[in-house]
Amino acid sequence: MSWVQDIAGIIKRLLTIEGQVETNAEDIKALRHDLKALMGFTHKVAYAVKRNQERTEDKQENLILSLKLELAELEKRLMGSQYLNADRTIALEECQLPQRARSDSNISEL
C-alpha cells in the first residue's frame, strides 16, 4: 500500500503545483499589464520633460534675443547722444566769444 500512498501524494503535489502554475501565470499577466502601463507613463513623463526642456530653451533664446535687441537700441541711443553732444559742443564753441571779449564782458557786468 505504500506505493498507492506514494502515487496519491504525487498526484496531490501535481494538483497543487498545477494550481500554483495557474496562479503564477495570472500574476505574470497582471505584472505584464502593469509593466506596460508603467512604460506608457514613463514615456509620457519623458516626453513632458523633453517638451519642458525645449520650452525652457526657447524662453532662454527669446530672452537672449530681447536682451540683444535692448542693448542694440541702447547703443544706438548712446551713439546718437554722443553725436548730438558733439554737435552741441561744436555749436557752442562756434558761438562763444573769444577769450578776451568774454573777460571784458564779465568786467562790464560787475
PDB file of N, CA and C in Angstrom:
ATOM      1  N   MET A   1       0.790  -1.193   0.000  1.00  0.00           N
ATOM      2  CA  MET A   1       0.000   0.000   0.000  1.00  0.00           C
ATOM      3  C   MET A   1       0.839   1.266   0.000  1.00  0.00           C
ATOM      4  N   SER A   2       1.980   1.086   0.252  1.00  0.00           N
ATOM      5  CA  SER A   2       2.882   2.223   0.303  1.00  0.00           C
ATOM      6  C   SER A   2       3.024   2.871  -1.062  1.00  0.00           C
ATOM      7  N   TRP A   3       3.030   2.052  -2.108  1.00  0.00           N
ATOM      8  CA  TRP A   3       3.166   2.653  -3.427  1.00  0.00           C
ATOM      9  C   TRP A   3       1.908   3.399  -3.823  1.00  0.00           C
ATOM     10  N   VAL A   4       0.722   2.999  -3.333  1.00  0.00           N
ATOM     11  CA  VAL A   4      -0.531   3.687  -3.606  1.00  0.00           C
ATOM     12  C   VAL A   4      -0.508   5.055  -2.909  1.00  0.00           C
ATOM     13  N   GLN A   5       0.012   5.051  -1.692  1.00  0.00           N
ATOM     14  CA  GLN A   5       0.126   6.322  -0.975  1.00  0.00           C
ATOM     15  C   GLN A   5       1.125   7.249  -1.667  1.00  0.00           C
ATOM     16  N   ASP A   6       2.193   6.687  -2.186  1.00  0.00           N
ATOM     17  CA  ASP A   6       3.185   7.491  -2.912  1.00  0.00           C
ATOM     18  C   ASP A   6       2.563   8.111  -4.168  1.00  0.00           C
ATOM     19  N   ILE A   7       1.792   7.292  -4.900  1.00  0.00           N
ATOM     20  CA  ILE A   7       1.155   7.799  -6.106  1.00  0.00           C
ATOM     21  C   ILE A   7       0.117   8.860  -5.726  1.00  0.00           C
ATOM     22  N   ALA A   8      -0.618   8.646  -4.686  1.00  0.00           N
ATOM     23  CA  ALA A   8      -1.614   9.624  -4.241  1.00  0.00           C
ATOM     24  C   ALA A   8      -0.914  10.930  -3.827  1.00  0.00           C
ATOM     25  N   GLY A   9       0.209  10.821  -3.162  1.00  0.00           N
ATOM     26  CA  GLY A   9       0.982  12.001  -2.767  1.00  0.00           C
ATOM     27  C   GLY A   9       1.491  12.764  -3.980  1.00  0.00           C
ATOM     28  N   ILE A  10       1.961  12.002  -4.974  1.00  0.00           N
ATOM     29  CA  ILE A  10       2.474  12.629  -6.198  1.00  0.00           C
ATOM     30  C   ILE A  10       1.339  13.349  -6.922  1.00  0.00           C
ATOM     31  N   ILE A  11       0.173  12.715  -7.019  1.00  0.00           N
ATOM     32  CA  ILE A  11      -0.974  13.337  -7.696  1.00  0.00           C
ATOM     33  C   ILE A  11      -1.399  14.603  -6.948  1.00  0.00           C
ATOM     34  N   LYS A  12      -1.416  14.501  -5.618  1.00  0.00           N
ATOM     35  CA  LYS A  12      -1.773  15.658  -4.810  1.00  0.00           C
ATOM     36  C   LYS A  12      -0.795  16.808  -5.054  1.00  0.00           C
ATOM     37  N   ARG A  13       0.483  16.480  -5.105  1.00  0.00           N
ATOM     38  CA  ARG A  13       1.505  17.507  -5.379  1.00  0.00           C
ATOM     39  C   ARG A  13       1.334  18.111  -6.765  1.00  0.00           C
ATOM     40  N   LEU A  14       1.059  17.249  -7.750  1.00  0.00           N
ATOM     41  CA  LEU A  14       0.859  17.741  -9.121  1.00  0.00           C
ATOM     42  C   LEU A  14      -0.320  18.706  -9.184  1.00  0.00           C
ATOM     43  N   LEU A  15      -1.398  18.364  -8.510  1.00  0.00           N
ATOM     44  CA  LEU A  15      -2.561  19.252  -8.497  1.00  0.00           C
ATOM     45  C   LEU A  15      -2.229  20.576  -7.800  1.00  0.00           C
ATOM     46  N   THR A  16      -1.472  20.503  -6.714  1.00  0.00           N
ATOM     47  CA  THR A  16      -1.066  21.714  -6.003  1.00  0.00           C
ATOM     48  C   THR A  16      -0.161  22.555  -6.898  1.00  0.00           C
ATOM     49  N   ILE A  17       0.784  21.893  -7.555  1.00  0.00           N
ATOM     50  CA  ILE A  17       1.708  22.607  -8.447  1.00  0.00           C
ATOM     51  C   ILE A  17       0.953  23.203  -9.623  1.00  0.00           C
ATOM     52  N   GLU A  18      -0.025  22.468 -10.156  1.00  0.00           N
ATOM     53  CA  GLU A  18      -0.816  22.987 -11.273  1.00  0.00           C
ATOM     54  C   GLU A  18      -1.565  24.251 -10.847  1.00  0.00           C
ATOM     55  N   GLY A  19      -2.128  24.268  -9.669  1.00  0.00           N
ATOM     56  CA  GLY A  19      -2.825  25.442  -9.163  1.00  0.00           C
ATOM     57  C   GLY A  19      -1.861  26.613  -8.997  1.00  0.00           C
ATOM     58  N   GLN A  20      -0.667  26.305  -8.501  1.00  0.00           N
ATOM     59  CA  GLN A  20       0.335  27.362  -8.335  1.00  0.00           C
ATOM     60  C   GLN A  20       0.784  27.912  -9.696  1.00  0.00           C
ATOM     61  N   VAL A  21       0.925  27.016 -10.678  1.00  0.00           N
ATOM     62  CA  VAL A  21       1.323  27.461 -12.016  1.00  0.00           C
ATOM     63  C   VAL A  21       0.245  28.379 -12.607  1.00  0.00           C
ATOM     64  N   GLU A  22      -1.020  28.011 -12.444  1.00  0.00           N
ATOM     65  CA  GLU A  22      -2.105  28.850 -12.944  1.00  0.00           C
ATOM     66  C   GLU A  22      -2.112  30.208 -12.240  1.00  0.00           C
ATOM     67  N   THR A  23      -1.913  30.189 -10.924  1.00  0.00           N
ATOM     68  CA  THR A  23      -1.864  31.439 -10.167  1.00  0.00           C
ATOM     69  C   THR A  23      -0.685  32.294 -10.627  1.00  0.00           C
ATOM     70  N   ASN A  24       0.464  31.647 -10.823  1.00  0.00           N
ATOM     71  CA  ASN A  24       1.645  32.381 -11.293  1.00  0.00           C
ATOM     72  C   ASN A  24       1.428  32.955 -12.692  1.00  0.00           C
ATOM     73  N   ALA A  25       0.772  32.198 -13.561  1.00  0.00           N
ATOM     74  CA  ALA A  25       0.500  32.678 -14.922  1.00  0.00           C
ATOM     75  C   ALA A  25      -0.399  33.908 -14.862  1.00  0.00           C
ATOM     76  N   GLU A  26      -1.420  33.900 -13.999  1.00  0.00           N
ATOM     77  CA  GLU A  26      -2.299  35.062 -13.852  1.00  0.00           C
ATOM     78  C   GLU A  26      -1.520  36.253 -13.290  1.00  0.00           C
ATOM     79  N   ASP A  27      -0.660  35.975 -12.318  1.00  0.00           N
ATOM     80  CA  ASP A  27       0.161  37.044 -11.744  1.00  0.00           C
ATOM     81  C   ASP A  27       1.095  37.642 -12.797  1.00  0.00           C
ATOM     82  N   ILE A  28       1.658  36.780 -13.640  1.00  0.00           N
ATOM     83  CA  ILE A  28       2.566  37.256 -14.698  1.00  0.00           C
ATOM     84  C   ILE A  28       1.796  38.130 -15.683  1.00  0.00           C
ATOM     85  N   LYS A  29       0.574  37.730 -16.040  1.00  0.00           N
ATOM     86  CA  LYS A  29      -0.240  38.554 -16.943  1.00  0.00           C
ATOM     87  C   LYS A  29      -0.522  39.914 -16.313  1.00  0.00           C
ATOM     88  N   ALA A  30      -0.851  39.923 -15.032  1.00  0.00           N
ATOM     89  CA  ALA A  30      -1.127  41.197 -14.346  1.00  0.00           C
ATOM     90  C   ALA A  30       0.142  42.044 -14.289  1.00  0.00           C
ATOM     91  N   LEU A  31       1.274  41.419 -14.014  1.00  0.00           N
ATOM     92  CA  LEU A  31       2.543  42.150 -13.982  1.00  0.00           C
ATOM     93  C   LEU A  31       2.895  42.719 -15.349  1.00  0.00           C
ATOM     94  N   ARG A  32       2.642  41.956 -16.402  1.00  0.00           N
ATOM     95  CA  ARG A  32       2.898  42.469 -17.755  1.00  0.00           C
ATOM     96  C   ARG A  32       2.011  43.677 -18.048  1.00  0.00           C
ATOM     97  N   HIS A  33       0.755  43.586 -17.643  1.00  0.00           N
ATOM     98  CA  HIS A  33      -0.161  44.709 -17.838  1.00  0.00           C
ATOM     99  C   HIS A  33       0.337  45.933 -17.075  1.00  0.00           C
ATOM    100  N   ASP A  34       0.733  45.718 -15.822  1.00  0.00           N
ATOM    101  CA  ASP A  34       1.263  46.830 -15.012  1.00  0.00           C
ATOM    102  C   ASP A  34       2.535  47.404 -15.611  1.00  0.00           C
ATOM    103  N   LEU A  35       3.393  46.524 -16.129  1.00  0.00           N
ATOM    104  CA  LEU A  35       4.640  46.965 -16.741  1.00  0.00           C
ATOM    105  C   LEU A  35       4.370  47.815 -17.984  1.00  0.00           C
ATOM    106  N   LYS A  36       3.394  47.374 -18.798  1.00  0.00           N
ATOM    107  CA  LYS A  36       3.037  48.158 -19.981  1.00  0.00           C
ATOM    108  C   LYS A  36       2.501  49.533 -19.579  1.00  0.00           C
ATOM    109  N   ALA A  37       1.665  49.565 -18.543  1.00  0.00           N
ATOM    110  CA  ALA A  37       1.133  50.850 -18.071  1.00  0.00           C
ATOM    111  C   ALA A  37       2.267  51.729 -17.548  1.00  0.00           C
ATOM    112  N   LEU A  38       3.193  51.137 -16.822  1.00  0.00           N
ATOM    113  CA  LEU A  38       4.333  51.889 -16.294  1.00  0.00           C
ATOM    114  C   LEU A  38       5.215  52.411 -17.416  1.00  0.00           C
ATOM    115  N   MET A  39       5.422  51.597 -18.444  1.00  0.00           N
ATOM    116  CA  MET A  39       6.217  52.044 -19.589  1.00  0.00           C
ATOM    117  C   MET A  39       5.526  53.204 -20.308  1.00  0.00           C
ATOM    118  N   GLY A  40       4.204  53.095 -20.450  1.00  0.00           N
ATOM    119  CA  GLY A  40       3.460  54.195 -21.074  1.00  0.00           C
ATOM    120  C   GLY A  40       3.579  55.479 -20.268  1.00  0.00           C
ATOM    121  N   PHE A  41       3.457  55.369 -18.952  1.00  0.00           N
ATOM    122  CA  PHE A  41       3.598  56.532 -18.080  1.00  0.00           C
ATOM    123  C   PHE A  41       5.010  57.100 -18.175  1.00  0.00           C
ATOM    124  N   THR A  42       6.011  56.227 -18.201  1.00  0.00           N
ATOM    125  CA  THR A  42       7.404  56.672 -18.306  1.00  0.00           C
ATOM    126  C   THR A  42       7.643  57.420 -19.608  1.00  0.00           C
ATOM    127  N   HIS A  43       7.066  56.918 -20.693  1.00  0.00           N
ATOM    128  CA  HIS A  43       7.203  57.609 -21.986  1.00  0.00           C
ATOM    129  C   HIS A  43       6.535  58.989 -21.942  1.00  0.00           C
ATOM    130  N   LYS A  44       5.384  59.066 -21.284  1.00  0.00           N
ATOM    131  CA  LYS A  44       4.695  60.359 -21.165  1.00  0.00           C
ATOM    132  C   LYS A  44       5.529  61.339 -20.349  1.00  0.00           C
ATOM    133  N   VAL A  45       6.122  60.848 -19.260  1.00  0.00           N
ATOM    134  CA  VAL A  45       6.956  61.722 -18.426  1.00  0.00           C
ATOM    135  C   VAL A  45       8.185  62.171 -19.206  1.00  0.00           C
ATOM    136  N   ALA A  46       8.816  61.253 -19.926  1.00  0.00           N
ATOM    137  CA  ALA A  46       9.998  61.603 -20.726  1.00  0.00           C
ATOM    138  C   ALA A  46       9.636  62.644 -21.782  1.00  0.00           C
ATOM    139  N   TYR A  47       8.483  62.475 -22.414  1.00  0.00           N
ATOM    140  CA  TYR A  47       8.041  63.447 -23.423  1.00  0.00           C
ATOM    141  C   TYR A  47       7.797  64.812 -22.783  1.00  0.00           C
ATOM    142  N   ALA A  48       7.145  64.803 -21.605  1.00  0.00           N
ATOM    143  CA  ALA A  48       6.866  66.061 -20.909  1.00  0.00           C
ATOM    144  C   ALA A  48       8.162  66.760 -20.505  1.00  0.00           C
ATOM    145  N   VAL A  49       9.126  65.992 -20.036  1.00  0.00           N
ATOM    146  CA  VAL A  49      10.416  66.576 -19.646  1.00  0.00           C
ATOM    147  C   VAL A  49      11.111  67.167 -20.870  1.00  0.00           C
ATOM    148  N   LYS A  50      11.083  66.441 -21.970  1.00  0.00           N
ATOM    149  CA  LYS A  50      11.706  66.937 -23.204  1.00  0.00           C
ATOM    150  C   LYS A  50      11.018  68.208 -23.679  1.00  0.00           C
ATOM    151  N   ARG A  51       9.690  68.221 -23.658  1.00  0.00           N
ATOM    152  CA  ARG A  51       8.938  69.407 -24.075  1.00  0.00           C
ATOM    153  C   ARG A  51       9.247  70.597 -23.170  1.00  0.00           C
ATOM    154  N   ASN A  52       9.320  70.318 -21.872  1.00  0.00           N
ATOM    155  CA  ASN A  52       9.628  71.369 -20.906  1.00  0.00           C
ATOM    156  C   ASN A  52      11.022  71.928 -21.163  1.00  0.00           C
ATOM    157  N   GLN A  53      11.961  71.050 -21.460  1.00  0.00           N
ATOM    158  CA  GLN A  53      13.329  71.487 -21.755  1.00  0.00           C
ATOM    159  C   GLN A  53      13.347  72.338 -23.027  1.00  0.00           C
ATOM    160  N   GLU A  54      12.608  71.921 -24.046  1.00  0.00           N
ATOM    161  CA  GLU A  54      12.541  72.695 -25.283  1.00  0.00           C
ATOM    162  C   GLU A  54      11.926  74.068 -25.032  1.00  0.00           C
ATOM    163  N   ARG A  55      10.864  74.103 -24.230  1.00  0.00           N
ATOM    164  CA  ARG A  55      10.227  75.386 -23.912  1.00  0.00           C
ATOM    165  C   ARG A  55      11.192  76.281 -23.153  1.00  0.00           C
ATOM    166  N   THR A  56      11.914  75.691 -22.210  1.00  0.00           N
ATOM    167  CA  THR A  56      12.885  76.464 -21.434  1.00  0.00           C
ATOM    168  C   THR A  56      13.970  77.017 -22.345  1.00  0.00           C
ATOM    169  N   GLU A  57      14.456  76.190 -23.263  1.00  0.00           N
ATOM    170  CA  GLU A  57      15.473  76.646 -24.211  1.00  0.00           C
ATOM    171  C   GLU A  57      14.911  77.763 -25.096  1.00  0.00           C
ATOM    172  N   ASP A  58      13.649  77.611 -25.529  1.00  0.00           N
ATOM    173  CA  ASP A  58      13.024  78.646 -26.348  1.00  0.00           C
ATOM    174  C   ASP A  58      12.907  79.954 -25.566  1.00  0.00           C
ATOM    175  N   LYS A  59      12.494  79.846 -24.309  1.00  0.00           N
ATOM    176  CA  LYS A  59      12.367  81.053 -23.482  1.00  0.00           C
ATOM    177  C   LYS A  59      13.728  81.707 -23.274  1.00  0.00           C
ATOM    178  N   GLN A  60      14.748  80.884 -23.034  1.00  0.00           N
ATOM    179  CA  GLN A  60      16.094  81.437 -22.860  1.00  0.00           C
ATOM    180  C   GLN A  60      16.553  82.130 -24.134  1.00  0.00           C
ATOM    181  N   GLU A  61      16.295  81.510 -25.266  1.00  0.00           N
ATOM    182  CA  GLU A  61      16.687  82.097 -26.545  1.00  0.00           C
ATOM    183  C   GLU A  61      15.944  83.415 -26.769  1.00  0.00           C
ATOM    184  N   ASN A  62      14.650  83.435 -26.442  1.00  0.00           N
ATOM    185  CA  ASN A  62      13.876  84.674 -26.590  1.00  0.00           C
ATOM    186  C   ASN A  62      14.408  85.764 -25.669  1.00  0.00           C
ATOM    187  N   LEU A  63      14.756  85.392 -24.441  1.00  0.00           N
ATOM    188  CA  LEU A  63      15.302  86.372 -23.507  1.00  0.00           C
ATOM    189  C   LEU A  63      16.635  86.921 -24.012  1.00  0.00           C
ATOM    190  N   ILE A  64      17.467  86.048 -24.544  1.00  0.00           N
ATOM    191  CA  ILE A  64      18.765  86.482 -25.073  1.00  0.00           C
ATOM    192  C   ILE A  64      18.562  87.426 -26.256  1.00  0.00           C
ATOM    193  N   LEU A  65      17.637  87.072 -27.142  1.00  0.00           N
ATOM    194  CA  LEU A  65      17.358  87.932 -28.292  1.00  0.00           C
ATOM    195  C   LEU A  65      16.793  89.278 -27.843  1.00  0.00           C
ATOM    196  N   SER A  66      15.909  89.265 -26.855  1.00  0.00           N
ATOM    197  CA  SER A  66      15.359  90.520 -26.329  1.00  0.00           C
ATOM    198  C   SER A  66      16.458  91.378 -25.717  1.00  0.00           C
ATOM    199  N   LEU A  67      17.346  90.725 -24.983  1.00  0.00           N
ATOM    200  CA  LEU A  67      18.457  91.452 -24.365  1.00  0.00           C
ATOM    201  C   LEU A  67      19.365  92.052 -25.427  1.00  0.00           C
ATOM    202  N   LYS A  68      19.663  91.286 -26.462  1.00  0.00           N
ATOM    203  CA  LYS A  68      20.494  91.807 -27.548  1.00  0.00           C
ATOM    204  C   LYS A  68      19.826  92.997 -28.230  1.00  0.00           C
ATOM    205  N   LEU A  69      18.524  92.898 -28.437  1.00  0.00           N
ATOM    206  CA  LEU A  69      17.788  93.992 -29.063  1.00  0.00           C
ATOM    207  C   LEU A  69      17.822  95.233 -28.184  1.00  0.00           C
ATOM    208  N   GLU A  70      17.587  95.059 -26.892  1.00  0.00           N
ATOM    209  CA  GLU A  70      17.624  96.197 -25.969  1.00  0.00           C
ATOM    210  C   GLU A  70      19.021  96.823 -25.938  1.00  0.00           C
ATOM    211  N   LEU A  71      20.054  95.985 -25.930  1.00  0.00           N
ATOM    212  CA  LEU A  71      21.427  96.508 -25.937  1.00  0.00           C
ATOM    213  C   LEU A  71      21.722  97.275 -27.222  1.00  0.00           C
ATOM    214  N   ALA A  72      21.234  96.748 -28.335  1.00  0.00           N
ATOM    215  CA  ALA A  72      21.449  97.441 -29.613  1.00  0.00           C
ATOM    216  C   ALA A  72      20.730  98.794 -29.621  1.00  0.00           C
ATOM    217  N   GLU A  73      19.510  98.820 -29.100  1.00  0.00           N
ATOM    218  CA  GLU A  73      18.781 100.082 -29.044  1.00  0.00           C
ATOM    219  C   GLU A  73      19.458 101.068 -28.103  1.00  0.00           C
ATOM    220  N   LEU A  74      19.960 100.577 -26.971  1.00  0.00           N
ATOM    221  CA  LEU A  74      20.672 101.445 -26.036  1.00  0.00           C
ATOM    222  C   LEU A  74      21.944 101.986 -26.673  1.00  0.00           C
ATOM    223  N   GLU A  75      22.659 101.116 -27.367  1.00  0.00           N
ATOM    224  CA  GLU A  75      23.884 101.553 -28.052  1.00  0.00           C
ATOM    225  C   GLU A  75      23.553 102.616 -29.102  1.00  0.00           C
ATOM    226  N   LYS A  76      22.460 102.410 -29.817  1.00  0.00           N
ATOM    227  CA  LYS A  76      22.041 103.374 -30.835  1.00  0.00           C
ATOM    228  C   LYS A  76      21.713 104.715 -30.187  1.00  0.00           C
ATOM    229  N   ARG A  77      20.987 104.681 -29.049  1.00  0.00           N
ATOM    230  CA  ARG A  77      20.654 105.930 -28.362  1.00  0.00           C
ATOM    231  C   ARG A  77      21.910 106.608 -27.834  1.00  0.00           C
ATOM    232  N   LEU A  78      22.837 105.806 -27.295  1.00  0.00           N
ATOM    233  CA  LEU A  78      24.076 106.388 -26.766  1.00  0.00           C
ATOM    234  C   LEU A  78      24.915 106.989 -27.885  1.00  0.00           C
ATOM    235  N   MET A  79      24.988 106.300 -29.005  1.00  0.00           N
ATOM    236  CA  MET A  79      25.762 106.822 -30.135  1.00  0.00           C
ATOM    237  C   MET A  79      25.114 108.105 -30.647  1.00  0.00           C
ATOM    238  N   GLY A  80      23.801 108.129 -30.733  1.00  0.00           N
ATOM    239  CA  GLY A  80      23.098 109.331 -31.164  1.00  0.00           C
ATOM    240  C   GLY A  80      23.328 110.461 -30.172  1.00  0.00           C
ATOM    241  N   SER A  81      23.347 110.125 -28.907  1.00  0.00           N
ATOM    242  CA  SER A  81      23.579 111.126 -27.871  1.00  0.00           C
ATOM    243  C   SER A  81      24.997 111.665 -27.962  1.00  0.00           C
ATOM    244  N   GLN A  82      25.953 110.808 -28.248  1.00  0.00           N
ATOM    245  CA  GLN A  82      27.344 111.259 -28.398  1.00  0.00           C
ATOM    246  C   GLN A  82      27.468 112.231 -29.560  1.00  0.00           C
ATOM    247  N   TYR A  83      26.855 111.871 -30.695  1.00  0.00           N
ATOM    248  CA  TYR A  83      26.930 112.748 -31.859  1.00  0.00           C
ATOM    249  C   TYR A  83      26.194 114.043 -31.582  1.00  0.00           C
ATOM    250  N   LEU A  84      25.067 113.950 -30.899  1.00  0.00           N
ATOM    251  CA  LEU A  84      24.305 115.142 -30.571  1.00  0.00           C
ATOM    252  C   LEU A  84      25.101 116.040 -29.635  1.00  0.00           C
ATOM    253  N   ASN A  85      25.719 115.442 -28.614  1.00  0.00           N
ATOM    254  CA  ASN A  85      26.543 116.219 -27.689  1.00  0.00           C
ATOM    255  C   ASN A  85      27.751 116.825 -28.406  1.00  0.00           C
ATOM    256  N   ALA A  86      28.343 116.058 -29.314  1.00  0.00           N
ATOM    257  CA  ALA A  86      29.484 116.572 -30.069  1.00  0.00           C
ATOM    258  C   ALA A  86      29.042 117.752 -30.933  1.00  0.00           C
ATOM    259  N   ASP A  87      27.882 117.640 -31.573  1.00  0.00           N
ATOM    260  CA  ASP A  87      27.356 118.743 -32.388  1.00  0.00           C
ATOM    261  C   ASP A  87      27.083 119.959 -31.528  1.00  0.00           C
ATOM    262  N   ARG A  88      26.517 119.759 -30.339  1.00  0.00           N
ATOM    263  CA  ARG A  88      26.238 120.886 -29.442  1.00  0.00           C
ATOM    264  C   ARG A  88      27.523 121.558 -28.991  1.00  0.00           C
ATOM    265  N   THR A  89      28.544 120.728 -28.677  1.00  0.00           N
ATOM    266  CA  THR A  89      29.824 121.291 -28.235  1.00  0.00           C
ATOM    267  C   THR A  89      30.435 122.134 -29.340  1.00  0.00           C
ATOM    268  N   ILE A  90      30.390 121.623 -30.552  1.00  0.00           N
ATOM    269  CA  ILE A  90      30.937 122.372 -31.691  1.00  0.00           C
ATOM    270  C   ILE A  90      30.146 123.665 -31.883  1.00  0.00           C
ATOM    271  N   ALA A  91      28.834 123.589 -31.794  1.00  0.00           N
ATOM    272  CA  ALA A  91      27.996 124.780 -31.976  1.00  0.00           C
ATOM    273  C   ALA A  91      28.267 125.793 -30.876  1.00  0.00           C
ATOM    274  N   LEU A  92      28.427 125.335 -29.632  1.00  0.00           N
ATOM    275  CA  LEU A  92      28.709 126.259 -28.529  1.00  0.00           C
ATOM    276  C   LEU A  92      30.075 126.914 -28.696  1.00  0.00           C
ATOM    277  N   GLU A  93      31.042 126.158 -29.141  1.00  0.00           N
ATOM    278  CA  GLU A  93      32.380 126.713 -29.347  1.00  0.00           C
ATOM    279  C   GLU A  93      32.360 127.767 -30.452  1.00  0.00           C
ATOM    280  N   GLU A  94      31.573 127.517 -31.481  1.00  0.00           N
ATOM    281  CA  GLU A  94      31.487 128.475 -32.577  1.00  0.00           C
ATOM    282  C   GLU A  94      30.769 129.755 -32.140  1.00  0.00           C
ATOM    283  N   CYS A  95      29.809 129.633 -31.242  1.00  0.00           N
ATOM    284  CA  CYS A  95      29.021 130.791 -30.815  1.00  0.00           C
ATOM    285  C   CYS A  95      29.698 131.570 -29.692  1.00  0.00           C
ATOM    286  N   GLN A  96      30.665 131.001 -29.040  1.00  0.00           N
ATOM    287  CA  GLN A  96      31.287 131.688 -27.909  1.00  0.00           C
ATOM    288  C   GLN A  96      32.164 132.839 -28.387  1.00  0.00           C
ATOM    289  N   LEU A  97      32.218 133.850 -27.541  1.00  0.00           N
ATOM    290  CA  LEU A  97      33.077 134.992 -27.824  1.00  0.00           C
ATOM    291  C   LEU A  97      34.525 134.588 -27.598  1.00  0.00           C
ATOM    292  N   PRO A  98      35.427 135.301 -28.230  1.00  0.00           N
ATOM    293  CA  PRO A  98      36.827 134.999 -27.948  1.00  0.00           C
ATOM    294  C   PRO A  98      37.103 135.221 -26.470  1.00  0.00           C
ATOM    295  N   GLN A  99      38.165 134.604 -25.977  1.00  0.00           N
ATOM    296  CA  GLN A  99      38.507 134.644 -24.560  1.00  0.00           C
ATOM    297  C   GLN A  99      38.602 136.079 -24.045  1.00  0.00           C
ATOM    298  N   ARG A 100      39.226 136.959 -24.773  1.00  0.00           N
ATOM    299  CA  ARG A 100      39.430 138.348 -24.358  1.00  0.00           C
ATOM    300  C   ARG A 100      38.108 139.096 -24.291  1.00  0.00           C
ATOM    301  N   ALA A 101      37.260 138.852 -25.246  1.00  0.00           N
ATOM    302  CA  ALA A 101      35.970 139.523 -25.276  1.00  0.00           C
ATOM    303  C   ALA A 101      35.105 139.048 -24.117  1.00  0.00           C
ATOM    304  N   ARG A 102      35.215 137.787 -23.778  1.00  0.00           N
ATOM    305  CA  ARG A 102      34.432 137.270 -22.656  1.00  0.00           C
ATOM    306  C   ARG A 102      34.871 137.910 -21.347  1.00  0.00           C
ATOM    307  N   SER A 103      36.161 138.061 -21.167  1.00  0.00           N
ATOM    308  CA  SER A 103      36.626 138.658 -19.913  1.00  0.00           C
ATOM    309  C   SER A 103      36.218 140.122 -19.828  1.00  0.00           C
ATOM    310  N   ASP A 104      36.177 140.830 -20.987  1.00  0.00           N
ATOM    311  CA  ASP A 104      35.722 142.221 -20.994  1.00  0.00           C
ATOM    312  C   ASP A 104      34.245 142.304 -20.636  1.00  0.00           C
ATOM    313  N   SER A 105      33.457 141.359 -21.136  1.00  0.00           N
ATOM    314  CA  SER A 105      32.037 141.394 -20.866  1.00  0.00           C
ATOM    315  C   SER A 105      31.772 141.064 -19.395  1.00  0.00           C
ATOM    316  N   ASN A 106      32.620 140.238 -18.828  1.00  0.00           N
ATOM    317  CA  ASN A 106      32.472 139.911 -17.401  1.00  0.00           C
ATOM    318  C   ASN A 106      32.768 141.144 -16.551  1.00  0.00           C
ATOM    319  N   ILE A 107      33.715 141.960 -16.957  1.00  0.00           N
ATOM    320  CA  ILE A 107      34.069 143.161 -16.208  1.00  0.00           C
ATOM    321  C   ILE A 107      32.946 144.167 -16.279  1.00  0.00           C
ATOM    322  N   SER A 108      32.349 144.315 -17.443  1.00  0.00           N
ATOM    323  CA  SER A 108      31.294 145.312 -17.600  1.00  0.00           C
ATOM    324  C   SER A 108      30.059 144.904 -16.795  1.00  0.00           C
ATOM    325  N   GLU A 109      29.858 143.597 -16.601  1.00  0.00           N
ATOM    326  CA  GLU A 109      28.709 143.127 -15.827  1.00  0.00           C
ATOM    327  C   GLU A 109      28.889 143.482 -14.363  1.00  0.00           C
ATOM    328  N   LEU A 110      30.146 143.577 -13.886  1.00  0.00           N
ATOM    329  CA  LEU A 110      30.393 143.867 -12.487  1.00  0.00           C
ATOM    330  C   LEU A 110      30.105 145.286 -12.247  1.00  0.00           C
TER     331      LEU A 110
END
